[in-house]
Amino acid sequence: MTGLAGAVIDLAAVAVLVIGVAGLWRRDLRALVGLLRIQGIALALVAASTAATQHDVGLGVTAVLVVVVKAGVVPTLLGRVARSDPGARESAPFINVPSSLVLAAALVGLAVVVGAPLHALAPGRAAALAPLGLATVLTGYLLLVTRRRALSQVVGLLVIDNGVALMTFLLTAGVPLIVELGGSLDVLLVVVVLRALLGTMRARLGNVALDELRELHD
């Protein structure tokens, strides 16, 4: 895998991880959703460039699907939730931003060490980038467990999904179209349900900070 397509895969795979880490830095929920949209575009570039090098029409269709769902529909739905919240900001995460970034750097290093043997499963330039997908998954988990607001946690879950998809594209040169279609529809269904749930919670309680909702339960 050489030439322009290989360079695009390299840059786009790195961008997926960097955007995931940037999510730990941003507290504004609208900005967080914007980062998720850009990450979806970068993931689609990985799939499209891989399709070009493999001459795989099915993978090319998958790349279009990724753009539509992960960079289009899902961020749009989440963006509407964020815009409807006048205080759409993560004001007090469980771990502050500098500490989160330090932890993210440690997780990236761990992913590089642990993910190195993955290259043996599918030798090649793209497979060598697989640890970036694992690092994105770990970064998504960090975002998920360190944020208080429900929308931030949903974004963390979607970053995890994007990291898994990145590993799949890099290690297997993509997945059958029907598998990606099923996965994307599952993600879309979850987001639609969560959007409705968040809207109901905000209308009745005025807040979707999960720790405060637990206090109401107690």
N, C-alpha and C. Protein backbone atom coordinates (compact mmCIF):
# COMPACT_ATOMS: atom_id res chain seq x y z
N MET A 1 0.85 -1.19 0.00
CA MET A 1 0.00 0.00 0.00
C MET A 1 0.89 1.24 0.00
N THR A 2 0.99 1.84 -1.14
CA THR A 2 1.87 2.99 -1.27
C THR A 2 1.14 4.12 -1.95
N GLY A 3 1.85 5.23 -2.09
CA GLY A 3 1.28 6.33 -2.83
C GLY A 3 0.33 7.16 -2.02
N LEU A 4 -0.51 7.88 -2.74
CA LEU A 4 -1.42 8.83 -2.12
C LEU A 4 -2.41 8.15 -1.17
N ALA A 5 -2.97 7.01 -1.59
CA ALA A 5 -3.95 6.33 -0.75
C ALA A 5 -3.33 5.90 0.58
N GLY A 6 -2.09 5.41 0.53
CA GLY A 6 -1.42 5.01 1.77
C GLY A 6 -1.19 6.19 2.68
N ALA A 7 -0.80 7.33 2.10
CA ALA A 7 -0.58 8.53 2.92
C ALA A 7 -1.88 9.01 3.55
N VAL A 8 -2.98 8.91 2.79
CA VAL A 8 -4.28 9.32 3.33
C VAL A 8 -4.69 8.42 4.49
N ILE A 9 -4.46 7.13 4.34
CA ILE A 9 -4.79 6.20 5.43
C ILE A 9 -3.98 6.54 6.68
N ASP A 10 -2.69 6.80 6.50
CA ASP A 10 -1.83 7.16 7.64
C ASP A 10 -2.36 8.39 8.35
N LEU A 11 -2.60 9.45 7.59
CA LEU A 11 -3.03 10.71 8.19
C LEU A 11 -4.42 10.60 8.81
N ALA A 12 -5.33 9.91 8.11
CA ALA A 12 -6.70 9.79 8.62
C ALA A 12 -6.74 8.94 9.89
N ALA A 13 -5.95 7.86 9.94
CA ALA A 13 -5.93 7.02 11.14
C ALA A 13 -5.39 7.79 12.33
N VAL A 14 -4.34 8.56 12.11
CA VAL A 14 -3.80 9.40 13.20
C VAL A 14 -4.84 10.45 13.61
N ALA A 15 -5.56 11.00 12.63
CA ALA A 15 -6.57 12.01 12.93
C ALA A 15 -7.68 11.44 13.80
N VAL A 16 -8.09 10.20 13.55
CA VAL A 16 -9.13 9.57 14.37
C VAL A 16 -8.71 9.56 15.84
N LEU A 17 -7.45 9.17 16.10
CA LEU A 17 -6.96 9.14 17.48
C LEU A 17 -6.83 10.54 18.06
N VAL A 18 -6.22 11.46 17.30
CA VAL A 18 -6.01 12.81 17.81
C VAL A 18 -7.33 13.48 18.16
N ILE A 19 -8.34 13.28 17.34
CA ILE A 19 -9.64 13.86 17.61
C ILE A 19 -10.26 13.25 18.87
N GLY A 20 -10.06 11.95 19.06
CA GLY A 20 -10.54 11.32 20.29
C GLY A 20 -9.90 11.92 21.52
N VAL A 21 -8.60 12.17 21.46
CA VAL A 21 -7.90 12.80 22.58
C VAL A 21 -8.37 14.23 22.77
N ALA A 22 -8.61 14.94 21.66
CA ALA A 22 -9.10 16.32 21.75
C ALA A 22 -10.44 16.40 22.45
N GLY A 23 -11.24 15.32 22.36
CA GLY A 23 -12.51 15.29 23.06
C GLY A 23 -12.36 15.41 24.56
N LEU A 24 -11.23 14.94 25.09
CA LEU A 24 -10.96 15.06 26.52
C LEU A 24 -10.61 16.49 26.90
N TRP A 25 -10.18 17.27 25.94
CA TRP A 25 -9.78 18.65 26.18
C TRP A 25 -10.98 19.60 26.14
N ARG A 26 -11.94 19.31 25.25
CA ARG A 26 -13.08 20.19 25.07
C ARG A 26 -14.17 19.90 26.09
N ARG A 27 -14.74 20.96 26.68
CA ARG A 27 -15.84 20.81 27.63
C ARG A 27 -17.18 21.24 27.04
N ASP A 28 -17.14 22.09 26.03
CA ASP A 28 -18.37 22.53 25.39
C ASP A 28 -18.96 21.36 24.60
N LEU A 29 -20.21 21.02 24.89
CA LEU A 29 -20.81 19.84 24.28
C LEU A 29 -21.00 20.01 22.78
N ARG A 30 -21.28 21.23 22.33
CA ARG A 30 -21.42 21.45 20.88
C ARG A 30 -20.10 21.21 20.17
N ALA A 31 -19.00 21.66 20.78
CA ALA A 31 -17.68 21.42 20.19
C ALA A 31 -17.35 19.93 20.20
N LEU A 32 -17.79 19.25 21.25
CA LEU A 32 -17.54 17.81 21.35
C LEU A 32 -18.25 17.06 20.23
N VAL A 33 -19.47 17.44 19.95
CA VAL A 33 -20.21 16.82 18.85
C VAL A 33 -19.55 17.16 17.51
N GLY A 34 -19.04 18.37 17.37
CA GLY A 34 -18.32 18.74 16.15
C GLY A 34 -17.09 17.88 15.93
N LEU A 35 -16.37 17.60 16.99
CA LEU A 35 -15.21 16.72 16.89
C LEU A 35 -15.62 15.32 16.46
N LEU A 36 -16.75 14.85 16.98
CA LEU A 36 -17.25 13.53 16.59
C LEU A 36 -17.55 13.47 15.10
N ARG A 37 -18.08 14.56 14.56
CA ARG A 37 -18.36 14.62 13.12
C ARG A 37 -17.07 14.53 12.31
N ILE A 38 -16.05 15.28 12.73
CA ILE A 38 -14.77 15.26 12.01
C ILE A 38 -14.14 13.87 12.11
N GLN A 39 -14.27 13.24 13.27
CA GLN A 39 -13.73 11.89 13.43
C GLN A 39 -14.41 10.92 12.48
N GLY A 40 -15.72 11.08 12.30
CA GLY A 40 -16.44 10.23 11.34
C GLY A 40 -15.93 10.41 9.93
N ILE A 41 -15.61 11.65 9.56
CA ILE A 41 -15.07 11.91 8.22
C ILE A 41 -13.70 11.25 8.06
N ALA A 42 -12.86 11.37 9.09
CA ALA A 42 -11.53 10.75 9.03
C ALA A 42 -11.65 9.23 8.91
N LEU A 43 -12.60 8.65 9.64
CA LEU A 43 -12.80 7.20 9.56
C LEU A 43 -13.25 6.79 8.17
N ALA A 44 -14.13 7.59 7.58
CA ALA A 44 -14.59 7.30 6.22
C ALA A 44 -13.45 7.38 5.22
N LEU A 45 -12.52 8.32 5.43
CA LEU A 45 -11.35 8.42 4.54
C LEU A 45 -10.50 7.16 4.61
N VAL A 46 -10.36 6.59 5.81
CA VAL A 46 -9.63 5.33 5.94
C VAL A 46 -10.30 4.25 5.11
N ALA A 47 -11.62 4.14 5.26
CA ALA A 47 -12.36 3.11 4.51
C ALA A 47 -12.29 3.36 3.00
N ALA A 48 -12.45 4.62 2.58
CA ALA A 48 -12.44 4.93 1.15
C ALA A 48 -11.07 4.68 0.53
N SER A 49 -10.02 5.07 1.24
CA SER A 49 -8.66 4.87 0.71
C SER A 49 -8.32 3.39 0.65
N THR A 50 -8.76 2.65 1.65
CA THR A 50 -8.54 1.20 1.62
C THR A 50 -9.29 0.56 0.47
N ALA A 51 -10.51 1.03 0.24
CA ALA A 51 -11.30 0.52 -0.89
C ALA A 51 -10.60 0.81 -2.22
N ALA A 52 -9.99 1.98 -2.33
CA ALA A 52 -9.29 2.34 -3.56
C ALA A 52 -8.09 1.44 -3.81
N THR A 53 -7.35 1.12 -2.75
CA THR A 53 -6.17 0.28 -2.93
C THR A 53 -6.53 -1.18 -3.17
N GLN A 54 -7.66 -1.62 -2.59
CA GLN A 54 -8.09 -3.02 -2.73
C GLN A 54 -9.04 -3.22 -3.91
N HIS A 55 -9.46 -2.09 -4.53
CA HIS A 55 -10.44 -2.16 -5.63
C HIS A 55 -11.69 -2.90 -5.16
N ASP A 56 -12.16 -2.54 -3.99
CA ASP A 56 -13.29 -3.21 -3.35
C ASP A 56 -14.51 -2.27 -3.37
N VAL A 57 -15.47 -2.60 -4.21
CA VAL A 57 -16.66 -1.76 -4.34
C VAL A 57 -17.48 -1.79 -3.05
N GLY A 58 -17.59 -2.96 -2.44
CA GLY A 58 -18.35 -3.08 -1.20
C GLY A 58 -17.80 -2.19 -0.10
N LEU A 59 -16.48 -2.14 0.00
CA LEU A 59 -15.85 -1.30 1.02
C LEU A 59 -16.05 0.18 0.68
N GLY A 60 -16.10 0.50 -0.61
CA GLY A 60 -16.39 1.88 -1.00
C GLY A 60 -17.79 2.30 -0.58
N VAL A 61 -18.74 1.38 -0.73
CA VAL A 61 -20.10 1.66 -0.27
C VAL A 61 -20.12 1.81 1.25
N THR A 62 -19.33 1.00 1.92
CA THR A 62 -19.22 1.10 3.38
C THR A 62 -18.70 2.48 3.78
N ALA A 63 -17.72 3.00 3.04
CA ALA A 63 -17.19 4.33 3.34
C ALA A 63 -18.28 5.39 3.22
N VAL A 64 -19.12 5.26 2.20
CA VAL A 64 -20.24 6.20 2.05
C VAL A 64 -21.19 6.07 3.24
N LEU A 65 -21.44 4.85 3.66
CA LEU A 65 -22.31 4.61 4.81
C LEU A 65 -21.75 5.25 6.07
N VAL A 66 -20.44 5.14 6.25
CA VAL A 66 -19.79 5.73 7.42
C VAL A 66 -19.97 7.25 7.42
N VAL A 67 -19.80 7.86 6.24
CA VAL A 67 -19.98 9.32 6.15
C VAL A 67 -21.41 9.71 6.51
N VAL A 68 -22.36 8.97 5.96
CA VAL A 68 -23.77 9.33 6.17
C VAL A 68 -24.16 9.19 7.64
N VAL A 69 -23.77 8.06 8.25
CA VAL A 69 -24.22 7.78 9.62
C VAL A 69 -23.32 8.44 10.66
N LYS A 70 -22.01 8.18 10.59
CA LYS A 70 -21.10 8.62 11.64
C LYS A 70 -20.67 10.08 11.52
N ALA A 71 -20.72 10.63 10.31
CA ALA A 71 -20.35 12.03 10.15
C ALA A 71 -21.55 12.91 9.83
N GLY A 72 -22.71 12.29 9.59
CA GLY A 72 -23.88 13.06 9.23
C GLY A 72 -25.02 12.94 10.22
N VAL A 73 -25.73 11.83 10.16
CA VAL A 73 -26.97 11.68 10.92
C VAL A 73 -26.73 11.72 12.43
N VAL A 74 -25.79 10.91 12.92
CA VAL A 74 -25.58 10.83 14.37
C VAL A 74 -25.12 12.17 14.96
N PRO A 75 -24.09 12.83 14.42
CA PRO A 75 -23.71 14.13 14.99
C PRO A 75 -24.82 15.18 14.88
N THR A 76 -25.62 15.10 13.81
CA THR A 76 -26.72 16.06 13.68
C THR A 76 -27.74 15.88 14.80
N LEU A 77 -28.10 14.63 15.10
CA LEU A 77 -29.05 14.37 16.18
C LEU A 77 -28.49 14.83 17.52
N LEU A 78 -27.23 14.51 17.77
CA LEU A 78 -26.62 14.92 19.03
C LEU A 78 -26.45 16.44 19.10
N GLY A 79 -26.15 17.06 17.95
CA GLY A 79 -26.01 18.51 17.92
C GLY A 79 -27.30 19.21 18.29
N ARG A 80 -28.43 18.65 17.88
CA ARG A 80 -29.72 19.24 18.24
C ARG A 80 -29.95 19.17 19.75
N VAL A 81 -29.54 18.06 20.35
CA VAL A 81 -29.66 17.95 21.81
C VAL A 81 -28.78 18.99 22.49
N ALA A 82 -27.55 19.15 22.00
CA ALA A 82 -26.62 20.11 22.61
C ALA A 82 -27.13 21.54 22.47
N ARG A 83 -27.67 21.87 21.31
CA ARG A 83 -28.15 23.24 21.09
C ARG A 83 -29.39 23.55 21.91
N SER A 84 -30.15 22.53 22.25
CA SER A 84 -31.37 22.76 23.04
C SER A 84 -31.08 22.93 24.53
N ASP A 85 -29.83 22.70 24.92
CA ASP A 85 -29.44 22.83 26.33
C ASP A 85 -28.70 24.14 26.50
N PRO A 86 -29.27 25.11 27.22
CA PRO A 86 -28.60 26.41 27.38
C PRO A 86 -27.29 26.32 28.15
N GLY A 87 -27.12 25.30 28.94
CA GLY A 87 -25.87 25.13 29.69
C GLY A 87 -25.09 23.94 29.18
N ALA A 88 -24.94 23.85 27.85
CA ALA A 88 -24.32 22.69 27.22
C ALA A 88 -22.81 22.72 27.40
N ARG A 89 -22.39 22.46 28.62
CA ARG A 89 -20.97 22.49 28.94
C ARG A 89 -20.67 21.52 30.07
N GLU A 90 -19.57 20.81 29.94
CA GLU A 90 -19.12 19.90 30.99
C GLU A 90 -18.33 20.71 31.99
N SER A 91 -19.00 21.18 33.04
CA SER A 91 -18.38 22.13 33.97
C SER A 91 -17.48 21.47 35.00
N ALA A 92 -17.77 20.22 35.36
CA ALA A 92 -17.01 19.59 36.44
C ALA A 92 -16.83 18.11 36.18
N PRO A 93 -15.96 17.73 35.24
CA PRO A 93 -15.71 16.31 35.00
C PRO A 93 -15.07 15.66 36.23
N PHE A 94 -15.18 14.34 36.31
CA PHE A 94 -14.61 13.63 37.46
C PHE A 94 -13.10 13.82 37.54
N ILE A 95 -12.44 13.94 36.37
CA ILE A 95 -11.00 14.17 36.32
C ILE A 95 -10.78 15.42 35.48
N ASN A 96 -9.96 16.35 35.95
CA ASN A 96 -9.78 17.61 35.21
C ASN A 96 -9.05 17.37 33.90
N VAL A 97 -9.05 18.39 33.06
CA VAL A 97 -8.53 18.25 31.70
C VAL A 97 -7.05 17.88 31.67
N PRO A 98 -6.16 18.57 32.41
CA PRO A 98 -4.74 18.18 32.35
C PRO A 98 -4.51 16.73 32.76
N SER A 99 -5.18 16.29 33.81
CA SER A 99 -5.01 14.89 34.25
C SER A 99 -5.55 13.93 33.20
N SER A 100 -6.67 14.30 32.56
CA SER A 100 -7.24 13.44 31.52
C SER A 100 -6.28 13.29 30.35
N LEU A 101 -5.63 14.38 29.97
CA LEU A 101 -4.69 14.32 28.85
C LEU A 101 -3.45 13.48 29.19
N VAL A 102 -3.00 13.58 30.44
CA VAL A 102 -1.87 12.75 30.87
C VAL A 102 -2.26 11.27 30.83
N LEU A 103 -3.46 10.97 31.34
CA LEU A 103 -3.94 9.58 31.29
C LEU A 103 -4.09 9.10 29.85
N ALA A 104 -4.57 9.98 28.98
CA ALA A 104 -4.72 9.62 27.57
C ALA A 104 -3.36 9.28 26.95
N ALA A 105 -2.34 10.07 27.27
CA ALA A 105 -1.00 9.79 26.75
C ALA A 105 -0.51 8.42 27.23
N ALA A 106 -0.79 8.10 28.50
CA ALA A 106 -0.39 6.80 29.04
C ALA A 106 -1.14 5.67 28.34
N LEU A 107 -2.43 5.88 28.06
CA LEU A 107 -3.22 4.86 27.39
C LEU A 107 -2.76 4.65 25.95
N VAL A 108 -2.36 5.72 25.28
CA VAL A 108 -1.84 5.59 23.92
C VAL A 108 -0.56 4.76 23.94
N GLY A 109 0.32 5.05 24.90
CA GLY A 109 1.54 4.25 25.02
C GLY A 109 1.24 2.79 25.30
N LEU A 110 0.25 2.54 26.18
CA LEU A 110 -0.15 1.16 26.47
C LEU A 110 -0.70 0.47 25.23
N ALA A 111 -1.50 1.21 24.46
CA ALA A 111 -2.07 0.62 23.26
C ALA A 111 -1.00 0.26 22.23
N VAL A 112 0.01 1.09 22.11
CA VAL A 112 1.10 0.81 21.18
C VAL A 112 1.83 -0.47 21.58
N VAL A 113 2.07 -0.63 22.88
CA VAL A 113 2.79 -1.83 23.36
C VAL A 113 1.92 -3.07 23.23
N VAL A 114 0.68 -2.97 23.69
CA VAL A 114 -0.21 -4.13 23.67
C VAL A 114 -0.64 -4.48 22.25
N GLY A 115 -0.81 -3.45 21.42
CA GLY A 115 -1.31 -3.68 20.08
C GLY A 115 -0.25 -4.07 19.06
N ALA A 116 1.00 -4.04 19.45
CA ALA A 116 2.07 -4.39 18.50
C ALA A 116 1.90 -5.78 17.90
N PRO A 117 1.51 -6.81 18.68
CA PRO A 117 1.34 -8.15 18.09
C PRO A 117 0.22 -8.24 17.06
N LEU A 118 -0.68 -7.25 17.02
CA LEU A 118 -1.76 -7.29 16.05
C LEU A 118 -1.22 -7.27 14.62
N HIS A 119 -0.04 -6.69 14.45
CA HIS A 119 0.56 -6.62 13.11
C HIS A 119 0.81 -8.00 12.54
N ALA A 120 1.04 -8.97 13.43
CA ALA A 120 1.30 -10.33 12.97
C ALA A 120 0.05 -10.98 12.38
N LEU A 121 -1.13 -10.50 12.77
CA LEU A 121 -2.38 -11.07 12.26
C LEU A 121 -2.62 -10.70 10.80
N ALA A 122 -2.15 -9.53 10.42
CA ALA A 122 -2.36 -9.06 9.05
C ALA A 122 -1.20 -8.18 8.65
N PRO A 123 -0.08 -8.78 8.26
CA PRO A 123 1.10 -8.00 7.92
C PRO A 123 0.80 -6.97 6.83
N GLY A 124 1.37 -5.81 6.98
CA GLY A 124 1.15 -4.76 6.00
C GLY A 124 1.21 -3.40 6.65
N ARG A 125 1.27 -2.39 5.82
CA ARG A 125 1.41 -1.03 6.32
C ARG A 125 0.18 -0.60 7.12
N ALA A 126 -1.02 -0.94 6.63
CA ALA A 126 -2.24 -0.53 7.32
C ALA A 126 -2.36 -1.21 8.67
N ALA A 127 -2.05 -2.50 8.71
CA ALA A 127 -2.17 -3.25 9.97
C ALA A 127 -1.23 -2.71 11.04
N ALA A 128 -0.11 -2.14 10.61
CA ALA A 128 0.83 -1.56 11.58
C ALA A 128 0.20 -0.38 12.33
N LEU A 129 -0.86 0.20 11.76
CA LEU A 129 -1.54 1.33 12.39
C LEU A 129 -2.65 0.89 13.34
N ALA A 130 -2.89 -0.42 13.44
CA ALA A 130 -3.98 -0.93 14.27
C ALA A 130 -3.93 -0.45 15.72
N PRO A 131 -2.73 -0.31 16.34
CA PRO A 131 -2.71 0.21 17.70
C PRO A 131 -3.38 1.58 17.86
N LEU A 132 -3.45 2.36 16.77
CA LEU A 132 -4.14 3.64 16.84
C LEU A 132 -5.63 3.43 17.11
N GLY A 133 -6.19 2.37 16.51
CA GLY A 133 -7.58 2.05 16.78
C GLY A 133 -7.80 1.65 18.21
N LEU A 134 -6.89 0.81 18.74
CA LEU A 134 -6.98 0.40 20.15
C LEU A 134 -6.85 1.60 21.07
N ALA A 135 -5.93 2.51 20.75
CA ALA A 135 -5.76 3.72 21.56
C ALA A 135 -7.03 4.58 21.52
N THR A 136 -7.70 4.63 20.37
CA THR A 136 -8.95 5.38 20.26
C THR A 136 -10.02 4.77 21.15
N VAL A 137 -10.09 3.44 21.17
CA VAL A 137 -11.05 2.75 22.04
C VAL A 137 -10.81 3.11 23.50
N LEU A 138 -9.54 3.05 23.93
CA LEU A 138 -9.22 3.37 25.32
C LEU A 138 -9.51 4.82 25.65
N THR A 139 -9.25 5.71 24.69
CA THR A 139 -9.56 7.13 24.88
C THR A 139 -11.07 7.34 25.03
N GLY A 140 -11.83 6.61 24.23
CA GLY A 140 -13.29 6.70 24.35
C GLY A 140 -13.78 6.23 25.70
N TYR A 141 -13.20 5.15 26.22
CA TYR A 141 -13.55 4.68 27.56
C TYR A 141 -13.22 5.73 28.60
N LEU A 142 -12.08 6.38 28.46
CA LEU A 142 -11.69 7.43 29.40
C LEU A 142 -12.69 8.58 29.37
N LEU A 143 -13.10 8.97 28.18
CA LEU A 143 -14.11 10.03 28.05
C LEU A 143 -15.43 9.59 28.68
N LEU A 144 -15.76 8.34 28.49
CA LEU A 144 -17.02 7.81 29.01
C LEU A 144 -17.08 7.84 30.53
N VAL A 145 -15.98 7.47 31.18
CA VAL A 145 -16.02 7.31 32.64
C VAL A 145 -15.64 8.57 33.40
N THR A 146 -15.10 9.58 32.71
CA THR A 146 -14.67 10.78 33.43
C THR A 146 -15.63 11.95 33.28
N ARG A 147 -16.66 11.83 32.45
CA ARG A 147 -17.60 12.93 32.24
C ARG A 147 -18.90 12.67 32.99
N ARG A 148 -19.53 13.76 33.42
CA ARG A 148 -20.75 13.67 34.21
C ARG A 148 -22.01 13.77 33.35
N ARG A 149 -21.98 14.54 32.30
CA ARG A 149 -23.17 14.79 31.52
C ARG A 149 -23.44 13.63 30.55
N ALA A 150 -24.72 13.32 30.40
CA ALA A 150 -25.10 12.16 29.60
C ALA A 150 -24.64 12.27 28.16
N LEU A 151 -24.75 13.48 27.58
CA LEU A 151 -24.35 13.64 26.18
C LEU A 151 -22.86 13.38 26.00
N SER A 152 -22.03 13.82 26.94
CA SER A 152 -20.59 13.56 26.87
C SER A 152 -20.32 12.06 26.90
N GLN A 153 -21.08 11.35 27.71
CA GLN A 153 -20.89 9.91 27.81
C GLN A 153 -21.33 9.20 26.54
N VAL A 154 -22.39 9.70 25.91
CA VAL A 154 -22.81 9.15 24.62
C VAL A 154 -21.70 9.35 23.59
N VAL A 155 -21.09 10.53 23.56
CA VAL A 155 -19.98 10.78 22.64
C VAL A 155 -18.83 9.81 22.92
N GLY A 156 -18.53 9.58 24.19
CA GLY A 156 -17.49 8.61 24.54
C GLY A 156 -17.79 7.24 23.99
N LEU A 157 -19.05 6.82 24.10
CA LEU A 157 -19.46 5.52 23.56
C LEU A 157 -19.25 5.46 22.05
N LEU A 158 -19.56 6.55 21.36
CA LEU A 158 -19.40 6.59 19.91
C LEU A 158 -17.93 6.64 19.50
N VAL A 159 -17.09 7.27 20.31
CA VAL A 159 -15.65 7.25 20.04
C VAL A 159 -15.13 5.81 20.15
N ILE A 160 -15.62 5.07 21.13
CA ILE A 160 -15.25 3.66 21.25
C ILE A 160 -15.63 2.90 19.99
N ASP A 161 -16.85 3.13 19.51
CA ASP A 161 -17.32 2.47 18.29
C ASP A 161 -16.45 2.83 17.10
N ASN A 162 -16.05 4.10 17.00
CA ASN A 162 -15.18 4.52 15.90
C ASN A 162 -13.81 3.86 15.99
N GLY A 163 -13.30 3.69 17.21
CA GLY A 163 -12.02 3.02 17.38
C GLY A 163 -12.08 1.57 16.95
N VAL A 164 -13.17 0.88 17.30
CA VAL A 164 -13.34 -0.51 16.87
C VAL A 164 -13.42 -0.58 15.34
N ALA A 165 -14.17 0.35 14.74
CA ALA A 165 -14.29 0.37 13.28
C ALA A 165 -12.93 0.62 12.62
N LEU A 166 -12.13 1.52 13.21
CA LEU A 166 -10.80 1.80 12.65
C LEU A 166 -9.93 0.55 12.68
N MET A 167 -9.94 -0.17 13.79
CA MET A 167 -9.16 -1.40 13.87
C MET A 167 -9.62 -2.40 12.82
N THR A 168 -10.92 -2.48 12.63
CA THR A 168 -11.46 -3.43 11.64
C THR A 168 -11.00 -3.09 10.24
N PHE A 169 -11.08 -1.82 9.87
CA PHE A 169 -10.64 -1.41 8.53
C PHE A 169 -9.16 -1.67 8.32
N LEU A 170 -8.35 -1.43 9.34
CA LEU A 170 -6.90 -1.55 9.20
C LEU A 170 -6.45 -3.01 9.19
N LEU A 171 -7.11 -3.86 9.97
CA LEU A 171 -6.65 -5.24 10.11
C LEU A 171 -7.24 -6.17 9.05
N THR A 172 -8.45 -5.87 8.58
CA THR A 172 -9.11 -6.80 7.67
C THR A 172 -9.41 -6.18 6.31
N ALA A 173 -8.92 -4.96 6.07
CA ALA A 173 -9.24 -4.23 4.83
C ALA A 173 -10.75 -4.08 4.70
N GLY A 174 -11.37 -3.84 5.85
CA GLY A 174 -12.81 -3.61 5.84
C GLY A 174 -13.59 -4.83 6.28
N VAL A 175 -14.91 -4.69 6.33
CA VAL A 175 -15.80 -5.77 6.73
C VAL A 175 -16.88 -5.89 5.66
N PRO A 176 -17.56 -7.03 5.62
CA PRO A 176 -18.66 -7.14 4.66
C PRO A 176 -19.66 -6.00 4.86
N LEU A 177 -20.23 -5.51 3.77
CA LEU A 177 -21.12 -4.37 3.83
C LEU A 177 -22.29 -4.61 4.78
N ILE A 178 -22.84 -5.81 4.79
CA ILE A 178 -24.01 -6.09 5.62
C ILE A 178 -23.66 -5.99 7.10
N VAL A 179 -22.42 -6.35 7.46
CA VAL A 179 -22.00 -6.25 8.86
C VAL A 179 -21.91 -4.79 9.28
N GLU A 180 -21.26 -3.96 8.44
CA GLU A 180 -21.15 -2.53 8.76
C GLU A 180 -22.52 -1.87 8.76
N LEU A 181 -23.39 -2.28 7.87
CA LEU A 181 -24.74 -1.72 7.83
C LEU A 181 -25.48 -2.03 9.12
N GLY A 182 -25.37 -3.29 9.57
CA GLY A 182 -26.02 -3.66 10.82
C GLY A 182 -25.47 -2.89 12.00
N GLY A 183 -24.14 -2.76 12.05
CA GLY A 183 -23.52 -2.01 13.15
C GLY A 183 -23.91 -0.54 13.14
N SER A 184 -23.94 0.07 11.96
CA SER A 184 -24.30 1.48 11.86
C SER A 184 -25.75 1.72 12.25
N LEU A 185 -26.63 0.82 11.85
CA LEU A 185 -28.03 0.97 12.21
C LEU A 185 -28.23 0.80 13.71
N ASP A 186 -27.44 -0.10 14.32
CA ASP A 186 -27.50 -0.25 15.78
C ASP A 186 -27.09 1.04 16.48
N VAL A 187 -26.00 1.64 16.01
CA VAL A 187 -25.54 2.90 16.59
C VAL A 187 -26.58 3.99 16.41
N LEU A 188 -27.16 4.05 15.21
CA LEU A 188 -28.17 5.06 14.93
C LEU A 188 -29.39 4.88 15.83
N LEU A 189 -29.81 3.64 16.04
CA LEU A 189 -30.95 3.36 16.90
C LEU A 189 -30.66 3.80 18.32
N VAL A 190 -29.46 3.48 18.82
CA VAL A 190 -29.10 3.88 20.18
C VAL A 190 -29.13 5.39 20.33
N VAL A 191 -28.59 6.11 19.34
CA VAL A 191 -28.55 7.57 19.42
C VAL A 191 -29.95 8.15 19.39
N VAL A 192 -30.82 7.61 18.54
CA VAL A 192 -32.20 8.11 18.46
C VAL A 192 -32.91 7.91 19.80
N VAL A 193 -32.75 6.72 20.39
CA VAL A 193 -33.39 6.46 21.68
C VAL A 193 -32.82 7.37 22.76
N LEU A 194 -31.50 7.54 22.78
CA LEU A 194 -30.89 8.39 23.79
C LEU A 194 -31.29 9.85 23.60
N ARG A 195 -31.42 10.28 22.35
CA ARG A 195 -31.86 11.65 22.11
C ARG A 195 -33.25 11.88 22.69
N ALA A 196 -34.15 10.93 22.45
CA ALA A 196 -35.49 11.06 23.02
C ALA A 196 -35.45 11.03 24.54
N LEU A 197 -34.62 10.16 25.10
CA LEU A 197 -34.52 10.06 26.55
C LEU A 197 -33.95 11.34 27.15
N LEU A 198 -32.90 11.89 26.54
CA LEU A 198 -32.30 13.11 27.06
C LEU A 198 -33.28 14.28 26.98
N GLY A 199 -34.05 14.34 25.89
CA GLY A 199 -35.03 15.41 25.77
C GLY A 199 -36.09 15.32 26.86
N THR A 200 -36.53 14.11 27.15
CA THR A 200 -37.53 13.93 28.20
C THR A 200 -36.97 14.28 29.57
N MET A 201 -35.73 13.85 29.84
CA MET A 201 -35.10 14.15 31.12
C MET A 201 -34.93 15.66 31.31
N ARG A 202 -34.53 16.35 30.24
CA ARG A 202 -34.33 17.79 30.36
C ARG A 202 -35.67 18.52 30.56
N ALA A 203 -36.70 18.05 29.87
CA ALA A 203 -38.00 18.70 30.00
C ALA A 203 -38.56 18.54 31.41
N ARG A 204 -38.33 17.41 32.03
CA ARG A 204 -38.92 17.15 33.34
C ARG A 204 -38.02 17.57 34.49
N LEU A 205 -36.71 17.44 34.30
CA LEU A 205 -35.79 17.68 35.42
C LEU A 205 -34.89 18.88 35.20
N GLY A 206 -34.74 19.34 33.95
CA GLY A 206 -33.92 20.51 33.68
C GLY A 206 -32.44 20.23 33.69
N ASN A 207 -32.02 18.98 33.83
CA ASN A 207 -30.59 18.66 33.92
C ASN A 207 -30.39 17.21 33.52
N VAL A 208 -29.26 16.93 32.89
CA VAL A 208 -28.93 15.56 32.55
C VAL A 208 -27.53 15.21 33.03
N ALA A 209 -27.10 15.83 34.13
CA ALA A 209 -25.85 15.43 34.79
C ALA A 209 -26.16 14.19 35.61
N LEU A 210 -25.56 13.07 35.27
CA LEU A 210 -25.99 11.81 35.82
C LEU A 210 -25.74 11.68 37.31
N ASP A 211 -24.67 12.29 37.82
CA ASP A 211 -24.42 12.19 39.25
C ASP A 211 -25.50 12.92 40.05
N GLU A 212 -26.01 14.03 39.53
CA GLU A 212 -27.08 14.75 40.23
C GLU A 212 -28.39 13.97 40.17
N LEU A 213 -28.63 13.27 39.08
CA LEU A 213 -29.82 12.45 38.97
C LEU A 213 -29.75 11.29 39.95
N ARG A 214 -28.57 10.75 40.20
CA ARG A 214 -28.43 9.69 41.18
C ARG A 214 -28.76 10.21 42.57
N GLU A 215 -28.38 11.44 42.85
CA GLU A 215 -28.70 12.02 44.15
C GLU A 215 -30.21 12.15 44.33
N LEU A 216 -30.93 12.48 43.24
CA LEU A 216 -32.39 12.55 43.32
C LEU A 216 -32.96 11.18 43.63
N HIS A 217 -32.38 10.15 43.03
CA HIS A 217 -32.83 8.79 43.28
C HIS A 217 -32.62 8.42 44.74
N ASP A 218 -31.44 8.78 45.26
CA ASP A 218 -31.13 8.45 46.65
C ASP A 218 -32.08 9.20 47.61
